[in-house]
């Protein structure tokens, strides 16, 4: 069961990485990272916590799996997804 849940979390995070994109503008000092979180079976993952590892920036995906993290300083980030009750 834990192995299956771990696979689910990995697929969820991987799917999120595939869809997320960041919008950086040279005229601005901040950016937006936005995307969509999917479950392993391809459905939108609603109300998943999405955050940038090592920062205090994070949001909760909406009922359609979409998220948008605003006012991000340019740089490299690791996007992580978590959900209460899901064992990673």
PDB file of N, CA and C in Angstrom:
ATOM      1  N   UNK A   1       0.832  -1.191   0.000  1.00  0.00           N
ATOM      2  CA  UNK A   1       0.000   0.000   0.000  1.00  0.00           C
ATOM      3  C   UNK A   1       0.876   1.255   0.000  1.00  0.00           C
ATOM      4  N   UNK A   2       1.913   1.288   0.888  1.00  0.00           N
ATOM      5  CA  UNK A   2       2.784   2.454   0.940  1.00  0.00           C
ATOM      6  C   UNK A   2       3.535   2.627  -0.377  1.00  0.00           C
ATOM      7  N   UNK A   3       3.947   1.499  -0.976  1.00  0.00           N
ATOM      8  CA  UNK A   3       4.663   1.560  -2.246  1.00  0.00           C
ATOM      9  C   UNK A   3       3.770   2.170  -3.324  1.00  0.00           C
ATOM     10  N   UNK A   4       2.508   1.778  -3.318  1.00  0.00           N
ATOM     11  CA  UNK A   4       1.561   2.304  -4.297  1.00  0.00           C
ATOM     12  C   UNK A   4       1.338   3.801  -4.067  1.00  0.00           C
ATOM     13  N   UNK A   5       1.228   4.213  -2.805  1.00  0.00           N
ATOM     14  CA  UNK A   5       1.053   5.629  -2.494  1.00  0.00           C
ATOM     15  C   UNK A   5       2.292   6.422  -2.884  1.00  0.00           C
ATOM     16  N   UNK A   6       3.482   5.846  -2.658  1.00  0.00           N
ATOM     17  CA  UNK A   6       4.715   6.525  -3.043  1.00  0.00           C
ATOM     18  C   UNK A   6       4.765   6.726  -4.553  1.00  0.00           C
ATOM     19  N   UNK A   7       4.368   5.712  -5.311  1.00  0.00           N
ATOM     20  CA  UNK A   7       4.318   5.843  -6.764  1.00  0.00           C
ATOM     21  C   UNK A   7       3.347   6.958  -7.149  1.00  0.00           C
ATOM     22  N   UNK A   8       2.223   7.010  -6.440  1.00  0.00           N
ATOM     23  CA  UNK A   8       1.205   8.028  -6.707  1.00  0.00           C
ATOM     24  C   UNK A   8       1.788   9.425  -6.484  1.00  0.00           C
ATOM     25  N   UNK A   9       2.505   9.610  -5.387  1.00  0.00           N
ATOM     26  CA  UNK A   9       3.099  10.909  -5.078  1.00  0.00           C
ATOM     27  C   UNK A   9       4.135  11.272  -6.136  1.00  0.00           C
ATOM     28  N   UNK A  10       4.974  10.321  -6.518  1.00  0.00           N
ATOM     29  CA  UNK A  10       5.995  10.585  -7.528  1.00  0.00           C
ATOM     30  C   UNK A  10       5.347  10.981  -8.848  1.00  0.00           C
ATOM     31  N   UNK A  11       4.316  10.272  -9.244  1.00  0.00           N
ATOM     32  CA  UNK A  11       3.626  10.606 -10.488  1.00  0.00           C
ATOM     33  C   UNK A  11       2.972  11.979 -10.392  1.00  0.00           C
ATOM     34  N   UNK A  12       2.403  12.268  -9.219  1.00  0.00           N
ATOM     35  CA  UNK A  12       1.758  13.557  -9.006  1.00  0.00           C
ATOM     36  C   UNK A  12       2.761  14.692  -9.160  1.00  0.00           C
ATOM     37  N   UNK A  13       3.904  14.554  -8.511  1.00  0.00           N
ATOM     38  CA  UNK A  13       4.928  15.589  -8.581  1.00  0.00           C
ATOM     39  C   UNK A  13       5.486  15.686 -10.003  1.00  0.00           C
ATOM     40  N   UNK A  14       5.767  14.542 -10.608  1.00  0.00           N
ATOM     41  CA  UNK A  14       6.300  14.533 -11.968  1.00  0.00           C
ATOM     42  C   UNK A  14       5.328  15.190 -12.941  1.00  0.00           C
ATOM     43  N   UNK A  15       4.053  14.866 -12.803  1.00  0.00           N
ATOM     44  CA  UNK A  15       3.042  15.470 -13.677  1.00  0.00           C
ATOM     45  C   UNK A  15       2.999  16.978 -13.488  1.00  0.00           C
ATOM     46  N   UNK A  16       3.129  17.398 -12.248  1.00  0.00           N
ATOM     47  CA  UNK A  16       3.121  18.829 -11.965  1.00  0.00           C
ATOM     48  C   UNK A  16       4.311  19.514 -12.628  1.00  0.00           C
ATOM     49  N   UNK A  17       5.487  18.882 -12.553  1.00  0.00           N
ATOM     50  CA  UNK A  17       6.670  19.451 -13.192  1.00  0.00           C
ATOM     51  C   UNK A  17       6.496  19.547 -14.699  1.00  0.00           C
ATOM     52  N   UNK A  18       5.840  18.570 -15.289  1.00  0.00           N
ATOM     53  CA  UNK A  18       5.655  18.592 -16.733  1.00  0.00           C
ATOM     54  C   UNK A  18       4.787  19.756 -17.180  1.00  0.00           C
ATOM     55  N   UNK A  19       3.840  20.137 -16.342  1.00  0.00           N
ATOM     56  CA  UNK A  19       2.906  21.163 -16.771  1.00  0.00           C
ATOM     57  C   UNK A  19       3.273  22.562 -16.299  1.00  0.00           C
ATOM     58  N   UNK A  20       4.023  22.630 -15.226  1.00  0.00           N
ATOM     59  CA  UNK A  20       4.286  23.971 -14.711  1.00  0.00           C
ATOM     60  C   UNK A  20       5.255  24.720 -15.625  1.00  0.00           C
ATOM     61  N   UNK A  21       5.103  25.985 -15.651  1.00  0.00           N
ATOM     62  CA  UNK A  21       6.041  26.833 -16.378  1.00  0.00           C
ATOM     63  C   UNK A  21       6.162  28.149 -15.632  1.00  0.00           C
ATOM     64  N   UNK A  22       7.314  28.752 -15.787  1.00  0.00           N
ATOM     65  CA  UNK A  22       7.509  30.035 -15.116  1.00  0.00           C
ATOM     66  C   UNK A  22       7.581  31.141 -16.153  1.00  0.00           C
ATOM     67  N   UNK A  23       7.099  32.281 -15.747  1.00  0.00           N
ATOM     68  CA  UNK A  23       7.080  33.433 -16.639  1.00  0.00           C
ATOM     69  C   UNK A  23       8.009  34.484 -16.039  1.00  0.00           C
ATOM     70  N   UNK A  24       9.157  34.667 -16.661  1.00  0.00           N
ATOM     71  CA  UNK A  24      10.120  35.658 -16.182  1.00  0.00           C
ATOM     72  C   UNK A  24      10.191  36.806 -17.185  1.00  0.00           C
ATOM     73  N   UNK A  25      10.205  37.988 -16.685  1.00  0.00           N
ATOM     74  CA  UNK A  25      10.319  39.161 -17.547  1.00  0.00           C
ATOM     75  C   UNK A  25      11.548  39.945 -17.123  1.00  0.00           C
ATOM     76  N   UNK A  26      12.344  40.367 -18.091  1.00  0.00           N
ATOM     77  CA  UNK A  26      13.556  41.112 -17.766  1.00  0.00           C
ATOM     78  C   UNK A  26      13.240  42.470 -17.150  1.00  0.00           C
ATOM     79  N   UNK A  27      12.075  43.013 -17.430  1.00  0.00           N
ATOM     80  CA  UNK A  27      11.695  44.316 -16.896  1.00  0.00           C
ATOM     81  C   UNK A  27      11.204  44.217 -15.457  1.00  0.00           C
ATOM     82  N   UNK A  28      10.879  43.023 -15.010  1.00  0.00           N
ATOM     83  CA  UNK A  28      10.358  42.837 -13.661  1.00  0.00           C
ATOM     84  C   UNK A  28      11.387  42.124 -12.798  1.00  0.00           C
ATOM     85  N   UNK A  29      11.255  42.303 -11.492  1.00  0.00           N
ATOM     86  CA  UNK A  29      12.158  41.643 -10.563  1.00  0.00           C
ATOM     87  C   UNK A  29      11.540  40.388  -9.968  1.00  0.00           C
ATOM     88  N   UNK A  30      10.294  40.124 -10.279  1.00  0.00           N
ATOM     89  CA  UNK A  30       9.637  38.923  -9.773  1.00  0.00           C
ATOM     90  C   UNK A  30       8.980  38.170 -10.924  1.00  0.00           C
ATOM     91  N   UNK A  31       8.594  36.953 -10.637  1.00  0.00           N
ATOM     92  CA  UNK A  31       7.983  36.101 -11.657  1.00  0.00           C
ATOM     93  C   UNK A  31       6.812  35.343 -11.054  1.00  0.00           C
ATOM     94  N   UNK A  32       6.153  34.575 -11.900  1.00  0.00           N
ATOM     95  CA  UNK A  32       5.036  33.722 -11.491  1.00  0.00           C
ATOM     96  C   UNK A  32       5.346  32.303 -11.939  1.00  0.00           C
ATOM     97  N   UNK A  33       5.122  31.362 -11.060  1.00  0.00           N
ATOM     98  CA  UNK A  33       5.207  29.946 -11.423  1.00  0.00           C
ATOM     99  C   UNK A  33       3.794  29.407 -11.336  1.00  0.00           C
ATOM    100  N   UNK A  34       3.324  28.836 -12.436  1.00  0.00           N
ATOM    101  CA  UNK A  34       1.967  28.310 -12.431  1.00  0.00           C
ATOM    102  C   UNK A  34       1.925  26.999 -13.188  1.00  0.00           C
ATOM    103  N   UNK A  35       0.899  26.218 -12.897  1.00  0.00           N
ATOM    104  CA  UNK A  35       0.761  24.929 -13.558  1.00  0.00           C
ATOM    105  C   UNK A  35      -0.482  24.205 -13.104  1.00  0.00           C
ATOM    106  N   UNK A  36      -0.501  22.924 -13.368  1.00  0.00           N
ATOM    107  CA  UNK A  36      -1.639  22.087 -13.003  1.00  0.00           C
ATOM    108  C   UNK A  36      -1.109  20.781 -12.429  1.00  0.00           C
ATOM    109  N   UNK A  37      -1.749  20.314 -11.359  1.00  0.00           N
ATOM    110  CA  UNK A  37      -1.363  19.066 -10.708  1.00  0.00           C
ATOM    111  C   UNK A  37      -2.339  17.975 -11.130  1.00  0.00           C
ATOM    112  N   UNK A  38      -1.785  16.823 -11.516  1.00  0.00           N
ATOM    113  CA  UNK A  38      -2.592  15.679 -11.938  1.00  0.00           C
ATOM    114  C   UNK A  38      -2.359  14.493 -11.013  1.00  0.00           C
ATOM    115  N   UNK A  39      -3.348  13.629 -10.911  1.00  0.00           N
ATOM    116  CA  UNK A  39      -3.175  12.355 -10.219  1.00  0.00           C
ATOM    117  C   UNK A  39      -2.525  11.381 -11.188  1.00  0.00           C
ATOM    118  N   UNK A  40      -2.145  10.216 -10.695  1.00  0.00           N
ATOM    119  CA  UNK A  40      -1.484   9.231 -11.547  1.00  0.00           C
ATOM    120  C   UNK A  40      -2.385   8.728 -12.663  1.00  0.00           C
ATOM    121  N   UNK A  41      -3.695   8.860 -12.493  1.00  0.00           N
ATOM    122  CA  UNK A  41      -4.613   8.416 -13.550  1.00  0.00           C
ATOM    123  C   UNK A  41      -5.043   9.563 -14.471  1.00  0.00           C
ATOM    124  N   UNK A  42      -4.347  10.698 -14.389  1.00  0.00           N
ATOM    125  CA  UNK A  42      -4.577  11.792 -15.321  1.00  0.00           C
ATOM    126  C   UNK A  42      -5.673  12.772 -14.962  1.00  0.00           C
ATOM    127  N   UNK A  43      -6.286  12.616 -13.795  1.00  0.00           N
ATOM    128  CA  UNK A  43      -7.343  13.541 -13.374  1.00  0.00           C
ATOM    129  C   UNK A  43      -6.724  14.721 -12.627  1.00  0.00           C
ATOM    130  N   UNK A  44      -7.434  15.833 -12.630  1.00  0.00           N
ATOM    131  CA  UNK A  44      -6.965  17.005 -11.892  1.00  0.00           C
ATOM    132  C   UNK A  44      -6.934  16.685 -10.403  1.00  0.00           C
ATOM    133  N   UNK A  45      -5.841  17.069  -9.739  1.00  0.00           N
ATOM    134  CA  UNK A  45      -5.699  16.847  -8.299  1.00  0.00           C
ATOM    135  C   UNK A  45      -6.108  18.126  -7.580  1.00  0.00           C
ATOM    136  N   UNK A  46      -7.257  18.104  -6.951  1.00  0.00           N
ATOM    137  CA  UNK A  46      -7.771  19.314  -6.311  1.00  0.00           C
ATOM    138  C   UNK A  46      -7.230  19.480  -4.899  1.00  0.00           C
ATOM    139  N   UNK A  47      -7.038  20.731  -4.512  1.00  0.00           N
ATOM    140  CA  UNK A  47      -6.662  21.143  -3.158  1.00  0.00           C
ATOM    141  C   UNK A  47      -5.345  20.535  -2.676  1.00  0.00           C
ATOM    142  N   UNK A  48      -4.408  20.351  -3.590  1.00  0.00           N
ATOM    143  CA  UNK A  48      -3.069  19.867  -3.260  1.00  0.00           C
ATOM    144  C   UNK A  48      -2.216  21.072  -2.872  1.00  0.00           C
ATOM    145  N   UNK A  49      -1.398  20.922  -1.833  1.00  0.00           N
ATOM    146  CA  UNK A  49      -0.470  21.977  -1.437  1.00  0.00           C
ATOM    147  C   UNK A  49       0.708  21.968  -2.402  1.00  0.00           C
ATOM    148  N   UNK A  50       0.999  23.105  -2.992  1.00  0.00           N
ATOM    149  CA  UNK A  50       2.119  23.238  -3.922  1.00  0.00           C
ATOM    150  C   UNK A  50       3.036  24.317  -3.363  1.00  0.00           C
ATOM    151  N   UNK A  51       4.317  23.988  -3.198  1.00  0.00           N
ATOM    152  CA  UNK A  51       5.243  24.955  -2.620  1.00  0.00           C
ATOM    153  C   UNK A  51       6.595  24.884  -3.316  1.00  0.00           C
ATOM    154  N   UNK A  52       7.408  25.900  -3.048  1.00  0.00           N
ATOM    155  CA  UNK A  52       8.770  25.933  -3.556  1.00  0.00           C
ATOM    156  C   UNK A  52       9.681  25.497  -2.426  1.00  0.00           C
ATOM    157  N   UNK A  53      10.373  24.402  -2.626  1.00  0.00           N
ATOM    158  CA  UNK A  53      11.234  23.821  -1.595  1.00  0.00           C
ATOM    159  C   UNK A  53      12.270  24.847  -1.135  1.00  0.00           C
ATOM    160  N   UNK A  54      12.434  24.949   0.180  1.00  0.00           N
ATOM    161  CA  UNK A  54      13.414  25.855   0.752  1.00  0.00           C
ATOM    162  C   UNK A  54      12.962  27.299   0.867  1.00  0.00           C
ATOM    163  N   UNK A  55      11.688  27.557   0.561  1.00  0.00           N
ATOM    164  CA  UNK A  55      11.145  28.914   0.686  1.00  0.00           C
ATOM    165  C   UNK A  55       9.864  28.857   1.511  1.00  0.00           C
ATOM    166  N   UNK A  56       9.302  30.019   1.776  1.00  0.00           N
ATOM    167  CA  UNK A  56       8.003  30.066   2.451  1.00  0.00           C
ATOM    168  C   UNK A  56       6.883  30.343   1.452  1.00  0.00           C
ATOM    169  N   UNK A  57       7.160  30.144   0.175  1.00  0.00           N
ATOM    170  CA  UNK A  57       6.177  30.385  -0.886  1.00  0.00           C
ATOM    171  C   UNK A  57       5.403  29.114  -1.187  1.00  0.00           C
ATOM    172  N   UNK A  58       4.082  29.235  -1.187  1.00  0.00           N
ATOM    173  CA  UNK A  58       3.255  28.091  -1.521  1.00  0.00           C
ATOM    174  C   UNK A  58       1.796  28.480  -1.636  1.00  0.00           C
ATOM    175  N   UNK A  59       1.040  27.635  -2.301  1.00  0.00           N
ATOM    176  CA  UNK A  59      -0.389  27.856  -2.504  1.00  0.00           C
ATOM    177  C   UNK A  59      -1.101  26.510  -2.478  1.00  0.00           C
ATOM    178  N   UNK A  60      -2.423  26.567  -2.513  1.00  0.00           N
ATOM    179  CA  UNK A  60      -3.242  25.362  -2.627  1.00  0.00           C
ATOM    180  C   UNK A  60      -3.861  25.367  -4.018  1.00  0.00           C
ATOM    181  N   UNK A  61      -3.717  24.256  -4.729  1.00  0.00           N
ATOM    182  CA  UNK A  61      -4.310  24.144  -6.069  1.00  0.00           C
ATOM    183  C   UNK A  61      -5.828  24.237  -5.958  1.00  0.00           C
ATOM    184  N   UNK A  62      -6.453  24.783  -6.978  1.00  0.00           N
ATOM    185  CA  UNK A  62      -7.906  24.909  -6.957  1.00  0.00           C
ATOM    186  C   UNK A  62      -8.585  23.579  -7.288  1.00  0.00           C
ATOM    187  N   UNK A  63      -9.902  23.608  -7.417  1.00  0.00           N
ATOM    188  CA  UNK A  63     -10.671  22.378  -7.645  1.00  0.00           C
ATOM    189  C   UNK A  63     -10.372  21.733  -8.995  1.00  0.00           C
ATOM    190  N   UNK A  64      -9.698  22.478  -9.886  1.00  0.00           N
ATOM    191  CA  UNK A  64      -9.310  21.940 -11.193  1.00  0.00           C
ATOM    192  C   UNK A  64      -7.825  21.589 -11.258  1.00  0.00           C
ATOM    193  N   UNK A  65      -7.135  21.692 -10.117  1.00  0.00           N
ATOM    194  CA  UNK A  65      -5.717  21.345 -10.049  1.00  0.00           C
ATOM    195  C   UNK A  65      -4.759  22.463 -10.410  1.00  0.00           C
ATOM    196  N   UNK A  66      -5.279  23.646 -10.745  1.00  0.00           N
ATOM    197  CA  UNK A  66      -4.417  24.760 -11.145  1.00  0.00           C
ATOM    198  C   UNK A  66      -3.856  25.488  -9.927  1.00  0.00           C
ATOM    199  N   UNK A  67      -2.610  25.926 -10.061  1.00  0.00           N
ATOM    200  CA  UNK A  67      -1.985  26.722  -9.005  1.00  0.00           C
ATOM    201  C   UNK A  67      -1.180  27.846  -9.643  1.00  0.00           C
ATOM    202  N   UNK A  68      -0.928  28.891  -8.849  1.00  0.00           N
ATOM    203  CA  UNK A  68      -0.146  30.031  -9.302  1.00  0.00           C
ATOM    204  C   UNK A  68       0.567  30.622  -8.092  1.00  0.00           C
ATOM    205  N   UNK A  69       1.886  30.577  -8.120  1.00  0.00           N
ATOM    206  CA  UNK A  69       2.699  31.146  -7.045  1.00  0.00           C
ATOM    207  C   UNK A  69       3.289  32.446  -7.583  1.00  0.00           C
ATOM    208  N   UNK A  70       2.956  33.554  -6.931  1.00  0.00           N
ATOM    209  CA  UNK A  70       3.338  34.883  -7.424  1.00  0.00           C
ATOM    210  C   UNK A  70       4.523  35.450  -6.657  1.00  0.00           C
ATOM    211  N   UNK A  71       5.081  36.515  -7.223  1.00  0.00           N
ATOM    212  CA  UNK A  71       6.172  37.284  -6.620  1.00  0.00           C
ATOM    213  C   UNK A  71       7.375  36.409  -6.272  1.00  0.00           C
ATOM    214  N   UNK A  72       7.842  35.663  -7.265  1.00  0.00           N
ATOM    215  CA  UNK A  72       9.000  34.791  -7.107  1.00  0.00           C
ATOM    216  C   UNK A  72      10.222  35.504  -7.677  1.00  0.00           C
ATOM    217  N   UNK A  73      11.296  35.537  -6.908  1.00  0.00           N
ATOM    218  CA  UNK A  73      12.538  36.114  -7.413  1.00  0.00           C
ATOM    219  C   UNK A  73      13.121  35.158  -8.452  1.00  0.00           C
ATOM    220  N   UNK A  74      13.712  35.683  -9.523  1.00  0.00           N
ATOM    221  CA  UNK A  74      14.307  34.812 -10.533  1.00  0.00           C
ATOM    222  C   UNK A  74      15.334  33.863  -9.918  1.00  0.00           C
ATOM    223  N   UNK A  75      15.344  32.634 -10.384  1.00  0.00           N
ATOM    224  CA  UNK A  75      16.262  31.627  -9.879  1.00  0.00           C
ATOM    225  C   UNK A  75      15.759  30.240 -10.204  1.00  0.00           C
ATOM    226  N   UNK A  76      16.415  29.243  -9.636  1.00  0.00           N
ATOM    227  CA  UNK A  76      16.012  27.852  -9.832  1.00  0.00           C
ATOM    228  C   UNK A  76      15.297  27.376  -8.573  1.00  0.00           C
ATOM    229  N   UNK A  77      14.185  26.693  -8.769  1.00  0.00           N
ATOM    230  CA  UNK A  77      13.379  26.215  -7.659  1.00  0.00           C
ATOM    231  C   UNK A  77      12.943  24.779  -7.904  1.00  0.00           C
ATOM    232  N   UNK A  78      12.679  24.082  -6.824  1.00  0.00           N
ATOM    233  CA  UNK A  78      12.079  22.757  -6.895  1.00  0.00           C
ATOM    234  C   UNK A  78      10.643  22.894  -6.421  1.00  0.00           C
ATOM    235  N   UNK A  79       9.715  22.528  -7.288  1.00  0.00           N
ATOM    236  CA  UNK A  79       8.296  22.576  -6.939  1.00  0.00           C
ATOM    237  C   UNK A  79       7.944  21.257  -6.278  1.00  0.00           C
ATOM    238  N   UNK A  80       7.280  21.333  -5.126  1.00  0.00           N
ATOM    239  CA  UNK A  80       6.861  20.106  -4.454  1.00  0.00           C
ATOM    240  C   UNK A  80       5.367  20.155  -4.176  1.00  0.00           C
ATOM    241  N   UNK A  81       4.760  18.986  -4.245  1.00  0.00           N
ATOM    242  CA  UNK A  81       3.320  18.870  -4.008  1.00  0.00           C
ATOM    243  C   UNK A  81       3.093  17.925  -2.845  1.00  0.00           C
ATOM    244  N   UNK A  82       2.119  18.262  -2.007  1.00  0.00           N
ATOM    245  CA  UNK A  82       1.778  17.384  -0.885  1.00  0.00           C
ATOM    246  C   UNK A  82       0.280  17.453  -0.646  1.00  0.00           C
ATOM    247  N   UNK A  83      -0.212  16.405  -0.017  1.00  0.00           N
ATOM    248  CA  UNK A  83      -1.638  16.295   0.242  1.00  0.00           C
ATOM    249  C   UNK A  83      -1.816  15.565   1.559  1.00  0.00           C
ATOM    250  N   UNK A  84      -2.610  16.106   2.470  1.00  0.00           N
ATOM    251  CA  UNK A  84      -2.835  15.485   3.769  1.00  0.00           C
ATOM    252  C   UNK A  84      -3.436  14.099   3.564  1.00  0.00           C
ATOM    253  N   UNK A  85      -2.864  13.114   4.229  1.00  0.00           N
ATOM    254  CA  UNK A  85      -3.361  11.748   4.126  1.00  0.00           C
ATOM    255  C   UNK A  85      -2.629  10.918   3.095  1.00  0.00           C
ATOM    256  N   UNK A  86      -1.727  11.534   2.350  1.00  0.00           N
ATOM    257  CA  UNK A  86      -0.962  10.820   1.339  1.00  0.00           C
ATOM    258  C   UNK A  86       0.430  10.582   1.883  1.00  0.00           C
ATOM    259  N   UNK A  87       0.830   9.341   2.001  1.00  0.00           N
ATOM    260  CA  UNK A  87       2.126   8.982   2.559  1.00  0.00           C
ATOM    261  C   UNK A  87       3.184   9.043   1.473  1.00  0.00           C
ATOM    262  N   UNK A  88       4.197   9.869   1.708  1.00  0.00           N
ATOM    263  CA  UNK A  88       5.275   9.959   0.718  1.00  0.00           C
ATOM    264  C   UNK A  88       6.513   9.369   1.321  1.00  0.00           C
TER     265      UNK A  88
END
